[in-house]
Amino acid sequence: MSKIKLIIEALDNLKLHDIVVYDMRERSPFFDYFVLSTATNTRQLKAAVDHVKEHLAAKEYPTPAVEGTHSNAWILMDAKDIVVNIFTAEERAFYNIEKMLADVQKIDVSTR
């Protein structure tokens, strides 16, 4: 299974919602995919980080770097070619990153 599918599966397993994946391969020299997701509460936000790490480790991918672990609103995971953002609903609405990425192609993230 590809790395992006593992990450999406991990987020979906924890019932994060509004998962969106942007294809950045033609836009960024630093990463291929940019993931946005929303946790319903702080506990789910923190659990998602561990769940993504476990899914990647199970397939022997390197452990992603994590920023914002002391935040209760937004955590960023850098998995080298994939950047994963996990927000609370309020924080995601406040930053409205989707607006900045409106012209970037989205990837279908259905896991079923």
PDB file of N, CA and C in Angstrom:
ATOM      1  N   MET A   1       0.851  -1.183   0.000  1.00  0.00           N
ATOM      2  CA  MET A   1       0.000   0.000   0.000  1.00  0.00           C
ATOM      3  C   MET A   1       0.896   1.245   0.000  1.00  0.00           C
ATOM      4  N   SER A   2       0.503   2.246  -0.773  1.00  0.00           N
ATOM      5  CA  SER A   2       1.307   3.462  -0.867  1.00  0.00           C
ATOM      6  C   SER A   2       1.244   4.262   0.435  1.00  0.00           C
ATOM      7  N   LYS A   3       2.221   5.109   0.602  1.00  0.00           N
ATOM      8  CA  LYS A   3       2.306   5.921   1.822  1.00  0.00           C
ATOM      9  C   LYS A   3       1.087   6.822   1.989  1.00  0.00           C
ATOM     10  N   ILE A   4       0.647   7.458   0.913  1.00  0.00           N
ATOM     11  CA  ILE A   4      -0.507   8.353   1.024  1.00  0.00           C
ATOM     12  C   ILE A   4      -1.756   7.568   1.408  1.00  0.00           C
ATOM     13  N   LYS A   5      -1.926   6.366   0.862  1.00  0.00           N
ATOM     14  CA  LYS A   5      -3.090   5.551   1.220  1.00  0.00           C
ATOM     15  C   LYS A   5      -3.030   5.121   2.683  1.00  0.00           C
ATOM     16  N   LEU A   6      -1.844   4.812   3.184  1.00  0.00           N
ATOM     17  CA  LEU A   6      -1.696   4.451   4.596  1.00  0.00           C
ATOM     18  C   LEU A   6      -2.103   5.608   5.503  1.00  0.00           C
ATOM     19  N   ILE A   7      -1.679   6.798   5.148  1.00  0.00           N
ATOM     20  CA  ILE A   7      -1.997   7.979   5.954  1.00  0.00           C
ATOM     21  C   ILE A   7      -3.504   8.240   5.942  1.00  0.00           C
ATOM     22  N   ILE A   8      -4.110   8.186   4.776  1.00  0.00           N
ATOM     23  CA  ILE A   8      -5.555   8.413   4.669  1.00  0.00           C
ATOM     24  C   ILE A   8      -6.314   7.342   5.455  1.00  0.00           C
ATOM     25  N   GLU A   9      -5.883   6.106   5.331  1.00  0.00           N
ATOM     26  CA  GLU A   9      -6.527   5.017   6.066  1.00  0.00           C
ATOM     27  C   GLU A   9      -6.431   5.240   7.576  1.00  0.00           C
ATOM     28  N   ALA A  10      -5.261   5.674   8.048  1.00  0.00           N
ATOM     29  CA  ALA A  10      -5.077   5.932   9.479  1.00  0.00           C
ATOM     30  C   ALA A  10      -6.018   7.036   9.958  1.00  0.00           C
ATOM     31  N   LEU A  11      -6.137   8.107   9.204  1.00  0.00           N
ATOM     32  CA  LEU A  11      -7.027   9.213   9.575  1.00  0.00           C
ATOM     33  C   LEU A  11      -8.488   8.771   9.519  1.00  0.00           C
ATOM     34  N   ASP A  12      -8.822   8.027   8.488  1.00  0.00           N
ATOM     35  CA  ASP A  12     -10.196   7.551   8.322  1.00  0.00           C
ATOM     36  C   ASP A  12     -10.577   6.562   9.426  1.00  0.00           C
ATOM     37  N   ASN A  13      -9.652   5.698   9.817  1.00  0.00           N
ATOM     38  CA  ASN A  13      -9.919   4.723  10.891  1.00  0.00           C
ATOM     39  C   ASN A  13     -10.295   5.406  12.204  1.00  0.00           C
ATOM     40  N   LEU A  14      -9.725   6.574  12.438  1.00  0.00           N
ATOM     41  CA  LEU A  14     -10.032   7.313  13.666  1.00  0.00           C
ATOM     42  C   LEU A  14     -11.221   8.253  13.489  1.00  0.00           C
ATOM     43  N   LYS A  15     -11.871   8.155  12.351  1.00  0.00           N
ATOM     44  CA  LYS A  15     -13.085   8.935  12.069  1.00  0.00           C
ATOM     45  C   LYS A  15     -12.842  10.437  11.996  1.00  0.00           C
ATOM     46  N   LEU A  16     -11.631  10.837  11.550  1.00  0.00           N
ATOM     47  CA  LEU A  16     -11.438  12.247  11.263  1.00  0.00           C
ATOM     48  C   LEU A  16     -12.315  12.564  10.058  1.00  0.00           C
ATOM     49  N   HIS A  17     -12.720  13.797   9.923  1.00  0.00           N
ATOM     50  CA  HIS A  17     -13.605  14.125   8.818  1.00  0.00           C
ATOM     51  C   HIS A  17     -13.044  15.246   7.965  1.00  0.00           C
ATOM     52  N   ASP A  18     -13.718  15.462   6.848  1.00  0.00           N
ATOM     53  CA  ASP A  18     -13.287  16.460   5.865  1.00  0.00           C
ATOM     54  C   ASP A  18     -11.830  16.262   5.467  1.00  0.00           C
ATOM     55  N   ILE A  19     -11.469  15.007   5.182  1.00  0.00           N
ATOM     56  CA  ILE A  19     -10.102  14.713   4.742  1.00  0.00           C
ATOM     57  C   ILE A  19      -9.980  15.106   3.275  1.00  0.00           C
ATOM     58  N   VAL A  20      -9.022  15.974   3.007  1.00  0.00           N
ATOM     59  CA  VAL A  20      -8.786  16.455   1.647  1.00  0.00           C
ATOM     60  C   VAL A  20      -7.299  16.287   1.351  1.00  0.00           C
ATOM     61  N   VAL A  21      -6.992  15.765   0.168  1.00  0.00           N
ATOM     62  CA  VAL A  21      -5.605  15.597  -0.256  1.00  0.00           C
ATOM     63  C   VAL A  21      -5.397  16.413  -1.528  1.00  0.00           C
ATOM     64  N   TYR A  22      -4.408  17.275  -1.493  1.00  0.00           N
ATOM     65  CA  TYR A  22      -4.053  18.092  -2.647  1.00  0.00           C
ATOM     66  C   TYR A  22      -2.814  17.513  -3.307  1.00  0.00           C
ATOM     67  N   ASP A  23      -2.859  17.425  -4.633  1.00  0.00           N
ATOM     68  CA  ASP A  23      -1.743  16.913  -5.416  1.00  0.00           C
ATOM     69  C   ASP A  23      -0.787  18.076  -5.688  1.00  0.00           C
ATOM     70  N   MET A  24       0.348  18.061  -5.026  1.00  0.00           N
ATOM     71  CA  MET A  24       1.301  19.159  -5.131  1.00  0.00           C
ATOM     72  C   MET A  24       2.499  18.820  -6.021  1.00  0.00           C
ATOM     73  N   ARG A  25       2.448  17.688  -6.703  1.00  0.00           N
ATOM     74  CA  ARG A  25       3.606  17.223  -7.469  1.00  0.00           C
ATOM     75  C   ARG A  25       4.057  18.218  -8.540  1.00  0.00           C
ATOM     76  N   GLU A  26       3.133  18.944  -9.125  1.00  0.00           N
ATOM     77  CA  GLU A  26       3.485  19.928 -10.146  1.00  0.00           C
ATOM     78  C   GLU A  26       3.642  21.335  -9.551  1.00  0.00           C
ATOM     79  N   ARG A  27       3.416  21.459  -8.240  1.00  0.00           N
ATOM     80  CA  ARG A  27       3.394  22.774  -7.600  1.00  0.00           C
ATOM     81  C   ARG A  27       4.543  23.023  -6.627  1.00  0.00           C
ATOM     82  N   SER A  28       5.053  21.963  -6.022  1.00  0.00           N
ATOM     83  CA  SER A  28       6.040  22.131  -4.963  1.00  0.00           C
ATOM     84  C   SER A  28       7.249  21.223  -5.180  1.00  0.00           C
ATOM     85  N   PRO A  29       8.434  21.762  -5.025  1.00  0.00           N
ATOM     86  CA  PRO A  29       9.626  20.911  -5.119  1.00  0.00           C
ATOM     87  C   PRO A  29       9.923  20.184  -3.794  1.00  0.00           C
ATOM     88  N   PHE A  30       9.136  20.473  -2.769  1.00  0.00           N
ATOM     89  CA  PHE A  30       9.424  19.949  -1.435  1.00  0.00           C
ATOM     90  C   PHE A  30       8.569  18.760  -1.024  1.00  0.00           C
ATOM     91  N   PHE A  31       7.335  18.686  -1.513  1.00  0.00           N
ATOM     92  CA  PHE A  31       6.457  17.578  -1.140  1.00  0.00           C
ATOM     93  C   PHE A  31       5.472  17.304  -2.275  1.00  0.00           C
ATOM     94  N   ASP A  32       4.917  16.072  -2.251  1.00  0.00           N
ATOM     95  CA  ASP A  32       4.007  15.638  -3.317  1.00  0.00           C
ATOM     96  C   ASP A  32       2.534  15.830  -2.967  1.00  0.00           C
ATOM     97  N   TYR A  33       2.211  15.631  -1.686  1.00  0.00           N
ATOM     98  CA  TYR A  33       0.816  15.718  -1.260  1.00  0.00           C
ATOM     99  C   TYR A  33       0.694  16.575  -0.009  1.00  0.00           C
ATOM    100  N   PHE A  34      -0.433  17.270   0.078  1.00  0.00           N
ATOM    101  CA  PHE A  34      -0.741  18.141   1.207  1.00  0.00           C
ATOM    102  C   PHE A  34      -2.111  17.705   1.712  1.00  0.00           C
ATOM    103  N   VAL A  35      -2.151  17.211   2.948  1.00  0.00           N
ATOM    104  CA  VAL A  35      -3.375  16.623   3.503  1.00  0.00           C
ATOM    105  C   VAL A  35      -3.956  17.542   4.567  1.00  0.00           C
ATOM    106  N   LEU A  36      -5.263  17.746   4.507  1.00  0.00           N
ATOM    107  CA  LEU A  36      -5.993  18.483   5.537  1.00  0.00           C
ATOM    108  C   LEU A  36      -7.032  17.536   6.127  1.00  0.00           C
ATOM    109  N   SER A  37      -7.187  17.570   7.442  1.00  0.00           N
ATOM    110  CA  SER A  37      -8.203  16.749   8.100  1.00  0.00           C
ATOM    111  C   SER A  37      -8.668  17.454   9.366  1.00  0.00           C
ATOM    112  N   THR A  38      -9.839  17.049   9.830  1.00  0.00           N
ATOM    113  CA  THR A  38     -10.420  17.699  10.999  1.00  0.00           C
ATOM    114  C   THR A  38     -10.740  16.673  12.073  1.00  0.00           C
ATOM    115  N   ALA A  39     -10.260  16.948  13.272  1.00  0.00           N
ATOM    116  CA  ALA A  39     -10.566  16.129  14.448  1.00  0.00           C
ATOM    117  C   ALA A  39     -11.721  16.781  15.197  1.00  0.00           C
ATOM    118  N   THR A  40     -12.541  15.958  15.831  1.00  0.00           N
ATOM    119  CA  THR A  40     -13.694  16.508  16.545  1.00  0.00           C
ATOM    120  C   THR A  40     -13.337  17.049  17.921  1.00  0.00           C
ATOM    121  N   ASN A  41     -12.190  16.634  18.455  1.00  0.00           N
ATOM    122  CA  ASN A  41     -11.766  17.133  19.767  1.00  0.00           C
ATOM    123  C   ASN A  41     -10.262  16.959  19.929  1.00  0.00           C
ATOM    124  N   THR A  42      -9.731  17.464  21.009  1.00  0.00           N
ATOM    125  CA  THR A  42      -8.289  17.433  21.249  1.00  0.00           C
ATOM    126  C   THR A  42      -7.761  16.016  21.402  1.00  0.00           C
ATOM    127  N   ARG A  43      -8.525  15.184  22.048  1.00  0.00           N
ATOM    128  CA  ARG A  43      -8.096  13.796  22.243  1.00  0.00           C
ATOM    129  C   ARG A  43      -7.924  13.091  20.892  1.00  0.00           C
ATOM    130  N   GLN A  44      -8.871  13.296  19.998  1.00  0.00           N
ATOM    131  CA  GLN A  44      -8.787  12.688  18.673  1.00  0.00           C
ATOM    132  C   GLN A  44      -7.619  13.278  17.871  1.00  0.00           C
ATOM    133  N   LEU A  45      -7.374  14.566  18.047  1.00  0.00           N
ATOM    134  CA  LEU A  45      -6.262  15.250  17.391  1.00  0.00           C
ATOM    135  C   LEU A  45      -4.944  14.574  17.747  1.00  0.00           C
ATOM    136  N   LYS A  46      -4.724  14.351  19.025  1.00  0.00           N
ATOM    137  CA  LYS A  46      -3.482  13.725  19.509  1.00  0.00           C
ATOM    138  C   LYS A  46      -3.406  12.255  19.095  1.00  0.00           C
ATOM    139  N   ALA A  47      -4.533  11.546  19.157  1.00  0.00           N
ATOM    140  CA  ALA A  47      -4.560  10.123  18.793  1.00  0.00           C
ATOM    141  C   ALA A  47      -4.237   9.932  17.313  1.00  0.00           C
ATOM    142  N   ALA A  48      -4.655  10.865  16.490  1.00  0.00           N
ATOM    143  CA  ALA A  48      -4.417  10.759  15.051  1.00  0.00           C
ATOM    144  C   ALA A  48      -2.921  10.733  14.744  1.00  0.00           C
ATOM    145  N   VAL A  49      -2.156  11.508  15.462  1.00  0.00           N
ATOM    146  CA  VAL A  49      -0.704  11.532  15.256  1.00  0.00           C
ATOM    147  C   VAL A  49      -0.113  10.154  15.523  1.00  0.00           C
ATOM    148  N   ASP A  50      -0.462   9.569  16.652  1.00  0.00           N
ATOM    149  CA  ASP A  50       0.052   8.240  16.996  1.00  0.00           C
ATOM    150  C   ASP A  50      -0.406   7.195  15.982  1.00  0.00           C
ATOM    151  N   HIS A  51      -1.645   7.306  15.549  1.00  0.00           N
ATOM    152  CA  HIS A  51      -2.204   6.335  14.612  1.00  0.00           C
ATOM    153  C   HIS A  51      -1.490   6.406  13.258  1.00  0.00           C
ATOM    154  N   VAL A  52      -1.231   7.600  12.776  1.00  0.00           N
ATOM    155  CA  VAL A  52      -0.510   7.757  11.508  1.00  0.00           C
ATOM    156  C   VAL A  52       0.901   7.189  11.651  1.00  0.00           C
ATOM    157  N   LYS A  53       1.577   7.516  12.743  1.00  0.00           N
ATOM    158  CA  LYS A  53       2.928   6.985  12.971  1.00  0.00           C
ATOM    159  C   LYS A  53       2.940   5.457  12.981  1.00  0.00           C
ATOM    160  N   GLU A  54       1.973   4.854  13.658  1.00  0.00           N
ATOM    161  CA  GLU A  54       1.893   3.391  13.737  1.00  0.00           C
ATOM    162  C   GLU A  54       1.653   2.771  12.360  1.00  0.00           C
ATOM    163  N   HIS A  55       0.750   3.366  11.588  1.00  0.00           N
ATOM    164  CA  HIS A  55       0.468   2.847  10.245  1.00  0.00           C
ATOM    165  C   HIS A  55       1.724   2.897   9.364  1.00  0.00           C
ATOM    166  N   LEU A  56       2.452   3.996   9.439  1.00  0.00           N
ATOM    167  CA  LEU A  56       3.662   4.122   8.633  1.00  0.00           C
ATOM    168  C   LEU A  56       4.751   3.167   9.108  1.00  0.00           C
ATOM    169  N   ALA A  57       4.912   3.050  10.409  1.00  0.00           N
ATOM    170  CA  ALA A  57       5.933   2.161  10.969  1.00  0.00           C
ATOM    171  C   ALA A  57       5.667   0.701  10.602  1.00  0.00           C
ATOM    172  N   ALA A  58       4.405   0.327  10.548  1.00  0.00           N
ATOM    173  CA  ALA A  58       4.045  -1.049  10.209  1.00  0.00           C
ATOM    174  C   ALA A  58       4.526  -1.435   8.810  1.00  0.00           C
ATOM    175  N   LYS A  59       4.663  -0.463   7.939  1.00  0.00           N
ATOM    176  CA  LYS A  59       5.157  -0.713   6.580  1.00  0.00           C
ATOM    177  C   LYS A  59       6.590  -0.204   6.403  1.00  0.00           C
ATOM    178  N   GLU A  60       7.246   0.049   7.534  1.00  0.00           N
ATOM    179  CA  GLU A  60       8.661   0.443   7.583  1.00  0.00           C
ATOM    180  C   GLU A  60       8.970   1.769   6.904  1.00  0.00           C
ATOM    181  N   TYR A  61       8.014   2.688   6.909  1.00  0.00           N
ATOM    182  CA  TYR A  61       8.289   4.054   6.466  1.00  0.00           C
ATOM    183  C   TYR A  61       8.918   4.808   7.638  1.00  0.00           C
ATOM    184  N   PRO A  62       9.750   5.793   7.360  1.00  0.00           N
ATOM    185  CA  PRO A  62      10.345   6.576   8.444  1.00  0.00           C
ATOM    186  C   PRO A  62       9.288   7.313   9.263  1.00  0.00           C
ATOM    187  N   THR A  63       9.587   7.530  10.528  1.00  0.00           N
ATOM    188  CA  THR A  63       8.683   8.267  11.415  1.00  0.00           C
ATOM    189  C   THR A  63       8.642   9.729  10.983  1.00  0.00           C
ATOM    190  N   PRO A  64       7.449  10.270  10.779  1.00  0.00           N
ATOM    191  CA  PRO A  64       7.358  11.676  10.369  1.00  0.00           C
ATOM    192  C   PRO A  64       7.729  12.629  11.509  1.00  0.00           C
ATOM    193  N   ALA A  65       8.243  13.786  11.133  1.00  0.00           N
ATOM    194  CA  ALA A  65       8.487  14.845  12.108  1.00  0.00           C
ATOM    195  C   ALA A  65       7.137  15.463  12.449  1.00  0.00           C
ATOM    196  N   VAL A  66       6.977  15.863  13.706  1.00  0.00           N
ATOM    197  CA  VAL A  66       5.690  16.400  14.159  1.00  0.00           C
ATOM    198  C   VAL A  66       5.905  17.760  14.809  1.00  0.00           C
ATOM    199  N   GLU A  67       5.087  18.720  14.409  1.00  0.00           N
ATOM    200  CA  GLU A  67       5.089  20.054  15.001  1.00  0.00           C
ATOM    201  C   GLU A  67       3.727  20.326  15.604  1.00  0.00           C
ATOM    202  N   GLY A  68       3.702  21.016  16.733  1.00  0.00           N
ATOM    203  CA  GLY A  68       2.446  21.416  17.343  1.00  0.00           C
ATOM    204  C   GLY A  68       1.893  20.427  18.348  1.00  0.00           C
ATOM    205  N   THR A  69       2.720  19.543  18.856  1.00  0.00           N
ATOM    206  CA  THR A  69       2.221  18.535  19.799  1.00  0.00           C
ATOM    207  C   THR A  69       1.681  19.160  21.076  1.00  0.00           C
ATOM    208  N   HIS A  70       2.096  20.374  21.367  1.00  0.00           N
ATOM    209  CA  HIS A  70       1.573  21.054  22.555  1.00  0.00           C
ATOM    210  C   HIS A  70       0.336  21.887  22.226  1.00  0.00           C
ATOM    211  N   SER A  71      -0.030  21.874  20.964  1.00  0.00           N
ATOM    212  CA  SER A  71      -1.212  22.615  20.536  1.00  0.00           C
ATOM    213  C   SER A  71      -2.457  21.756  20.735  1.00  0.00           C
ATOM    214  N   ASN A  72      -3.527  22.398  21.026  1.00  0.00           N
ATOM    215  CA  ASN A  72      -4.811  21.711  21.126  1.00  0.00           C
ATOM    216  C   ASN A  72      -5.683  22.016  19.918  1.00  0.00           C
ATOM    217  N   ALA A  73      -5.049  22.532  18.845  1.00  0.00           N
ATOM    218  CA  ALA A  73      -5.846  22.985  17.719  1.00  0.00           C
ATOM    219  C   ALA A  73      -5.307  22.579  16.341  1.00  0.00           C
ATOM    220  N   TRP A  74      -3.980  22.437  16.188  1.00  0.00           N
ATOM    221  CA  TRP A  74      -3.409  22.149  14.881  1.00  0.00           C
ATOM    222  C   TRP A  74      -2.093  21.424  15.051  1.00  0.00           C
ATOM    223  N   ILE A  75      -1.988  20.264  14.419  1.00  0.00           N
ATOM    224  CA  ILE A  75      -0.742  19.505  14.423  1.00  0.00           C
ATOM    225  C   ILE A  75      -0.336  19.268  12.979  1.00  0.00           C
ATOM    226  N   LEU A  76       0.943  19.451  12.701  1.00  0.00           N
ATOM    227  CA  LEU A  76       1.482  19.245  11.367  1.00  0.00           C
ATOM    228  C   LEU A  76       2.468  18.088  11.417  1.00  0.00           C
ATOM    229  N   MET A  77       2.324  17.162  10.476  1.00  0.00           N
ATOM    230  CA  MET A  77       3.238  16.027  10.367  1.00  0.00           C
ATOM    231  C   MET A  77       3.957  16.121   9.029  1.00  0.00           C
ATOM    232  N   ASP A  78       5.290  16.039   9.076  1.00  0.00           N
ATOM    233  CA  ASP A  78       6.101  16.092   7.870  1.00  0.00           C
ATOM    234  C   ASP A  78       6.633  14.690   7.590  1.00  0.00           C
ATOM    235  N   ALA A  79       6.018  14.030   6.613  1.00  0.00           N
ATOM    236  CA  ALA A  79       6.434  12.677   6.231  1.00  0.00           C
ATOM    237  C   ALA A  79       7.264  12.738   4.949  1.00  0.00           C
ATOM    238  N   LYS A  80       8.119  13.737   4.868  1.00  0.00           N
ATOM    239  CA  LYS A  80       8.996  14.009   3.730  1.00  0.00           C
ATOM    240  C   LYS A  80       8.217  14.417   2.484  1.00  0.00           C
ATOM    241  N   ASP A  81       7.640  13.488   1.774  1.00  0.00           N
ATOM    242  CA  ASP A  81       6.932  13.821   0.544  1.00  0.00           C
ATOM    243  C   ASP A  81       5.445  14.096   0.758  1.00  0.00           C
ATOM    244  N   ILE A  82       5.008  13.982   2.015  1.00  0.00           N
ATOM    245  CA  ILE A  82       3.602  14.238   2.352  1.00  0.00           C
ATOM    246  C   ILE A  82       3.536  15.093   3.611  1.00  0.00           C
ATOM    247  N   VAL A  83       2.778  16.174   3.543  1.00  0.00           N
ATOM    248  CA  VAL A  83       2.553  17.033   4.710  1.00  0.00           C
ATOM    249  C   VAL A  83       1.118  16.799   5.167  1.00  0.00           C
ATOM    250  N   VAL A  84       0.969  16.445   6.444  1.00  0.00           N
ATOM    251  CA  VAL A  84      -0.351  16.130   7.003  1.00  0.00           C
ATOM    252  C   VAL A  84      -0.708  17.176   8.052  1.00  0.00           C
ATOM    253  N   ASN A  85      -1.845  17.807   7.880  1.00  0.00           N
ATOM    254  CA  ASN A  85      -2.355  18.794   8.829  1.00  0.00           C
ATOM    255  C   ASN A  85      -3.592  18.230   9.508  1.00  0.00           C
ATOM    256  N   ILE A  86      -3.602  18.258  10.826  1.00  0.00           N
ATOM    257  CA  ILE A  86      -4.762  17.795  11.589  1.00  0.00           C
ATOM    258  C   ILE A  86      -5.224  18.975  12.435  1.00  0.00           C
ATOM    259  N   PHE A  87      -6.433  19.430  12.171  1.00  0.00           N
ATOM    260  CA  PHE A  87      -6.986  20.610  12.822  1.00  0.00           C
ATOM    261  C   PHE A  87      -8.189  20.251  13.687  1.00  0.00           C
ATOM    262  N   THR A  88      -8.521  21.150  14.605  1.00  0.00           N
ATOM    263  CA  THR A  88      -9.878  21.162  15.156  1.00  0.00           C
ATOM    264  C   THR A  88     -10.708  21.949  14.144  1.00  0.00           C
ATOM    265  N   ALA A  89     -12.010  21.813  14.201  1.00  0.00           N
ATOM    266  CA  ALA A  89     -12.878  22.500  13.236  1.00  0.00           C
ATOM    267  C   ALA A  89     -12.704  24.017  13.299  1.00  0.00           C
ATOM    268  N   GLU A  90     -12.592  24.548  14.497  1.00  0.00           N
ATOM    269  CA  GLU A  90     -12.460  26.000  14.661  1.00  0.00           C
ATOM    270  C   GLU A  90     -11.164  26.510  14.045  1.00  0.00           C
ATOM    271  N   GLU A  91     -10.077  25.789  14.272  1.00  0.00           N
ATOM    272  CA  GLU A  91      -8.773  26.210  13.754  1.00  0.00           C
ATOM    273  C   GLU A  91      -8.742  26.107  12.226  1.00  0.00           C
ATOM    274  N   ARG A  92      -9.317  25.057  11.705  1.00  0.00           N
ATOM    275  CA  ARG A  92      -9.345  24.892  10.250  1.00  0.00           C
ATOM    276  C   ARG A  92     -10.153  26.004   9.601  1.00  0.00           C
ATOM    277  N   ALA A  93     -11.273  26.353  10.185  1.00  0.00           N
ATOM    278  CA  ALA A  93     -12.090  27.442   9.646  1.00  0.00           C
ATOM    279  C   ALA A  93     -11.348  28.773   9.742  1.00  0.00           C
ATOM    280  N   PHE A  94     -10.638  28.992  10.838  1.00  0.00           N
ATOM    281  CA  PHE A  94      -9.916  30.241  11.042  1.00  0.00           C
ATOM    282  C   PHE A  94      -8.838  30.446   9.970  1.00  0.00           C
ATOM    283  N   TYR A  95      -8.036  29.416   9.719  1.00  0.00           N
ATOM    284  CA  TYR A  95      -6.943  29.546   8.747  1.00  0.00           C
ATOM    285  C   TYR A  95      -7.396  29.394   7.306  1.00  0.00           C
ATOM    286  N   ASN A  96      -8.468  28.657   7.069  1.00  0.00           N
ATOM    287  CA  ASN A  96      -9.060  28.513   5.740  1.00  0.00           C
ATOM    288  C   ASN A  96      -8.014  28.262   4.643  1.00  0.00           C
ATOM    289  N   ILE A  97      -7.179  27.281   4.869  1.00  0.00           N
ATOM    290  CA  ILE A  97      -6.116  26.950   3.914  1.00  0.00           C
ATOM    291  C   ILE A  97      -6.691  26.527   2.565  1.00  0.00           C
ATOM    292  N   GLU A  98      -7.877  25.942   2.577  1.00  0.00           N
ATOM    293  CA  GLU A  98      -8.515  25.534   1.328  1.00  0.00           C
ATOM    294  C   GLU A  98      -8.652  26.694   0.346  1.00  0.00           C
ATOM    295  N   LYS A  99      -8.883  27.873   0.855  1.00  0.00           N
ATOM    296  CA  LYS A  99      -9.032  29.039  -0.018  1.00  0.00           C
ATOM    297  C   LYS A  99      -7.743  29.295  -0.800  1.00  0.00           C
ATOM    298  N   MET A 100      -6.615  29.148  -0.129  1.00  0.00           N
ATOM    299  CA  MET A 100      -5.314  29.353  -0.763  1.00  0.00           C
ATOM    300  C   MET A 100      -5.016  28.260  -1.799  1.00  0.00           C
ATOM    301  N   LEU A 101      -5.587  27.081  -1.600  1.00  0.00           N
ATOM    302  CA  LEU A 101      -5.322  25.948  -2.482  1.00  0.00           C
ATOM    303  C   LEU A 101      -6.464  25.686  -3.465  1.00  0.00           C
ATOM    304  N   ALA A 102      -7.320  26.652  -3.671  1.00  0.00           N
ATOM    305  CA  ALA A 102      -8.527  26.475  -4.489  1.00  0.00           C
ATOM    306  C   ALA A 102      -8.231  25.989  -5.907  1.00  0.00           C
ATOM    307  N   ASP A 103      -7.097  26.374  -6.467  1.00  0.00           N
ATOM    308  CA  ASP A 103      -6.788  25.988  -7.848  1.00  0.00           C
ATOM    309  C   ASP A 103      -5.891  24.748  -7.943  1.00  0.00           C
ATOM    310  N   VAL A 104      -5.661  24.077  -6.815  1.00  0.00           N
ATOM    311  CA  VAL A 104      -4.834  22.870  -6.803  1.00  0.00           C
ATOM    312  C   VAL A 104      -5.727  21.644  -6.901  1.00  0.00           C
ATOM    313  N   GLN A 105      -5.315  20.682  -7.714  1.00  0.00           N
ATOM    314  CA  GLN A 105      -6.097  19.462  -7.921  1.00  0.00           C
ATOM    315  C   GLN A 105      -6.176  18.649  -6.642  1.00  0.00           C
ATOM    316  N   LYS A 106      -7.384  18.153  -6.349  1.00  0.00           N
ATOM    317  CA  LYS A 106      -7.599  17.270  -5.206  1.00  0.00           C
ATOM    318  C   LYS A 106      -7.533  15.825  -5.656  1.00  0.00           C
ATOM    319  N   ILE A 107      -7.150  14.966  -4.728  1.00  0.00           N
ATOM    320  CA  ILE A 107      -7.085  13.516  -4.973  1.00  0.00           C
ATOM    321  C   ILE A 107      -8.270  12.864  -4.276  1.00  0.00           C
ATOM    322  N   ASP A 108      -8.861  11.875  -4.925  1.00  0.00           N
ATOM    323  CA  ASP A 108      -9.956  11.122  -4.316  1.00  0.00           C
ATOM    324  C   ASP A 108      -9.407  10.331  -3.136  1.00  0.00           C
ATOM    325  N   VAL A 109     -10.009  10.504  -1.967  1.00  0.00           N
ATOM    326  CA  VAL A 109      -9.499   9.843  -0.760  1.00  0.00           C
ATOM    327  C   VAL A 109     -10.412   8.741  -0.249  1.00  0.00           C
ATOM    328  N   SER A 110     -11.340   8.292  -1.061  1.00  0.00           N
ATOM    329  CA  SER A 110     -12.230   7.235  -0.577  1.00  0.00           C
ATOM    330  C   SER A 110     -11.421   5.978  -0.304  1.00  0.00           C
ATOM    331  N   THR A 111     -11.629   5.441   0.902  1.00  0.00           N
ATOM    332  CA  THR A 111     -10.877   4.259   1.323  1.00  0.00           C
ATOM    333  C   THR A 111     -11.735   3.011   1.252  1.00  0.00           C
ATOM    334  N   ARG A 112     -12.939   3.152   0.917  1.00  0.00           N
ATOM    335  CA  ARG A 112     -13.836   1.996   0.880  1.00  0.00           C
ATOM    336  C   ARG A 112     -14.051   1.512  -0.533  1.00  0.00           C
TER     337      ARG A 112
END
